[in-house]
Protein backbone atom coordinates (compact mmCIF):
# COMPACT_ATOMS: atom_id res chain seq x y z
CA MET A 1 64.76 53.40 61.03
CA SER A 2 63.33 50.80 58.74
CA THR A 3 64.84 47.49 57.81
CA ALA A 4 65.80 47.72 54.17
CA ARG A 5 66.14 44.75 51.87
CA LEU A 6 69.68 44.95 50.55
CA THR A 7 70.29 44.21 46.89
CA PRO A 8 73.49 43.92 44.87
CA THR A 9 73.06 47.62 44.03
CA SER A 10 72.91 48.36 47.77
CA TYR A 11 76.27 46.68 48.23
CA VAL A 12 77.74 48.50 45.23
CA VAL A 13 76.72 51.80 46.84
CA LEU A 14 78.04 50.78 50.28
CA GLY A 15 81.32 49.53 48.81
CA LEU A 16 81.90 52.60 46.67
CA LEU A 17 81.10 54.88 49.58
CA GLU A 18 83.60 53.05 51.75
CA ARG A 19 86.29 54.09 49.27
CA LEU A 20 85.06 57.56 48.33
CA GLN A 21 83.22 59.01 51.28
CA PRO A 22 81.85 61.50 51.39
CA ALA A 23 80.36 61.18 47.93
CA THR A 24 77.43 62.38 45.90
CA PRO A 25 75.41 60.08 43.64
CA TYR A 26 77.25 61.69 40.73
CA ASP A 27 80.56 60.66 42.33
CA LEU A 28 79.22 57.11 42.71
CA LYS A 29 78.23 56.99 39.04
CA GLY A 30 81.73 58.05 37.96
CA ALA A 31 83.44 55.55 40.23
CA ALA A 32 81.15 52.75 39.05
CA GLN A 33 81.98 53.53 35.41
CA LEU A 34 85.70 53.21 36.15
CA GLY A 35 85.49 49.92 38.00
CA VAL A 36 82.54 47.89 39.15
CA SER A 37 80.53 48.44 35.96
CA ASN A 38 83.07 46.20 34.23
CA LEU A 39 81.83 43.24 36.24
CA TRP A 40 78.34 44.17 37.40
CA SER A 41 75.86 46.00 35.22
CA LEU A 42 73.42 48.36 36.83
CA PRO A 43 71.37 51.28 35.59
CA HIS A 44 73.01 54.55 36.58
CA ALA A 45 69.66 55.85 37.80
CA GLN A 46 69.88 53.35 40.66
CA LEU A 47 73.03 55.08 41.90
CA TYR A 48 70.96 58.23 42.34
CA VAL A 49 68.01 56.56 44.10
CA GLU A 50 69.72 53.92 46.25
CA PRO A 51 71.73 56.24 48.56
CA ALA A 52 68.56 57.99 49.79
CA ARG A 53 66.91 54.61 50.42
CA LEU A 54 69.95 53.40 52.37
CA ALA A 55 70.04 56.66 54.35
CA ALA A 56 66.37 56.19 55.29
CA ALA A 57 67.31 52.72 56.56
CA GLY A 58 70.12 54.13 58.71
CA LEU A 59 72.95 52.66 56.67
CA LEU A 60 74.19 56.02 55.35
CA ASN A 61 74.39 59.56 56.66
CA GLU A 62 73.05 62.18 54.29
CA ARG A 63 74.13 65.83 54.29
CA GLN A 64 72.73 68.32 51.83
CA GLU A 65 74.68 71.41 50.85
CA ARG A 66 73.00 74.61 52.02
CA GLY A 67 73.83 76.65 48.96
CA GLY A 68 74.81 76.19 45.36
CA ARG A 69 73.56 73.01 43.78
CA ARG A 70 72.39 71.63 47.14
CA ARG A 71 73.99 68.29 46.39
CA LYS A 72 73.54 65.45 48.84
CA ARG A 73 76.72 63.88 50.17
CA TYR A 74 76.68 60.45 51.77
CA THR A 75 78.91 58.61 54.23
CA LEU A 76 78.64 55.15 55.78
CA THR A 77 77.17 54.75 59.24
CA GLY A 78 78.34 52.03 61.60
CA ARG A 79 75.31 49.97 60.55
CA GLY A 80 76.21 50.49 56.89
CA ARG A 81 79.79 49.40 57.47
CA GLY A 82 78.54 46.35 59.39
CA ALA A 83 76.15 45.38 56.59
CA LEU A 84 78.96 45.70 54.05
CA ASP A 85 81.34 43.67 56.21
CA ASP A 86 78.73 40.94 56.74
CA TRP A 87 78.05 40.74 53.02
CA ARG A 88 81.75 40.72 52.11
CA THR A 89 82.64 37.95 54.55
CA THR A 90 79.74 35.66 53.60
CA PRO A 91 80.90 33.40 50.75
CA THR A 92 78.54 32.97 47.81
CA ALA A 93 77.91 29.93 45.66
CA GLU A 94 75.62 31.80 43.27
CA PRO A 95 76.43 31.08 39.63
CA THR A 96 77.61 33.82 37.31
CA GLU A 97 74.85 35.79 35.65
CA LEU A 98 75.33 36.20 31.92
CA ARG A 99 73.46 38.82 29.93
CA ASP A 100 75.13 39.02 26.56
CA PRO A 101 73.21 40.74 23.74
CA GLY A 102 75.53 39.24 21.12
CA LEU A 103 74.95 35.67 22.29
CA LEU A 104 71.22 36.34 22.52
CA LYS A 105 71.15 37.50 18.89
CA LEU A 106 73.30 34.54 17.84
CA PHE A 107 70.95 32.16 19.66
CA PHE A 108 67.97 33.57 17.77
CA GLY A 109 69.58 33.35 14.35
CA ALA A 110 71.44 36.60 13.70
CA PRO A 111 73.88 36.39 10.78
CA PRO A 112 77.01 35.22 12.61
CA GLY A 113 79.66 36.90 10.42
CA PRO A 114 78.74 40.57 10.92
CA LEU A 115 77.82 39.93 14.54
CA ALA A 116 81.17 38.24 15.18
CA GLN A 117 83.06 41.18 13.66
CA ALA A 118 81.21 43.67 15.87
CA GLN A 119 81.72 41.51 18.94
CA LEU A 120 85.40 40.99 18.18
CA GLN A 121 85.94 44.73 17.95
CA ALA A 122 84.11 45.36 21.24
CA HIS A 123 85.85 42.56 23.15
CA ARG A 124 89.30 43.46 21.83
CA ALA A 125 88.77 47.06 22.94
CA GLN A 126 87.61 45.94 26.39
CA LEU A 127 90.57 43.56 26.71
CA ASP A 128 92.94 46.35 25.75
CA SER A 129 91.44 48.66 28.38
CA TYR A 130 91.76 45.95 31.05
CA GLU A 131 95.35 45.15 30.13
CA HIS A 132 96.37 48.82 30.40
CA ARG A 133 95.15 49.41 33.96
CA PRO A 134 97.65 50.44 36.66
CA ALA A 135 99.54 47.61 38.35
CA ASP A 136 99.22 49.01 41.89
CA LEU A 137 95.54 48.17 42.39
CA PRO A 138 94.09 46.83 45.65
CA ARG A 139 94.25 43.03 45.78
CA GLY A 140 90.52 42.44 45.27
CA VAL A 141 90.37 44.85 42.33
CA ARG A 142 93.45 43.25 40.78
CA LEU A 143 92.02 39.73 41.12
CA ALA A 144 88.67 40.79 39.63
CA LEU A 145 90.57 42.47 36.79
CA GLU A 146 92.52 39.25 36.15
CA ALA A 147 89.20 37.39 35.87
CA GLY A 148 87.92 40.04 33.46
CA ILE A 149 91.03 39.69 31.31
CA GLY A 150 90.54 35.92 31.17
CA HIS A 151 86.88 36.32 30.18
CA GLU A 152 87.69 38.88 27.48
CA ARG A 153 90.41 36.63 26.05
CA GLU A 154 87.88 33.82 25.85
CA TRP A 155 85.31 36.06 24.14
CA VAL A 156 87.94 37.16 21.61
CA ARG A 157 88.82 33.49 20.97
CA PHE A 158 85.14 32.51 20.62
CA TRP A 159 84.10 35.36 18.31
CA ALA A 160 87.24 34.93 16.18
CA ARG A 161 86.23 31.29 15.66
CA VAL A 162 82.66 32.30 14.76
CA ALA A 163 84.01 34.89 12.32
CA LYS A 164 86.38 32.34 10.73
CA GLU A 165 83.61 29.72 10.40
CA SER A 166 81.44 32.40 8.79
CA GLY A 167 84.11 33.28 6.25
CA GLN A 168 84.68 36.73 7.73
């Protein structure tokens, strides 16, 4: 077994597998879309490649179906669970990463009025989806969701101000 360098995507895969196992990469993609993709962007292709890499490193077990679509199903190994636990219990002081296409366009001189209207629509829709999630979520998911709601409210406030200043 090799020693794999673990990335944020590695921990997304380990964390999702802890909840879903066994799971296929397709299962991971669906679960990411419903949850973690709201706070951490990652290309879906990585959710298809990363499990095999983690299995080669001994962090996941891989079982391939013998017939049918021959899908690969993954589960955590003890080493995988240990890596996830170590990562989870190690506090981080890393600053938030922000990759916002709207702000990037605004920074480089996009007309603010139309951009603000598009951003307002997107952020209001996201806020609405966050506010209509079930109340009986696990504590960590609920707390992350509360942070997301706060961020979306701030984006709505910001883009509404930009729209107003632009006469929109």
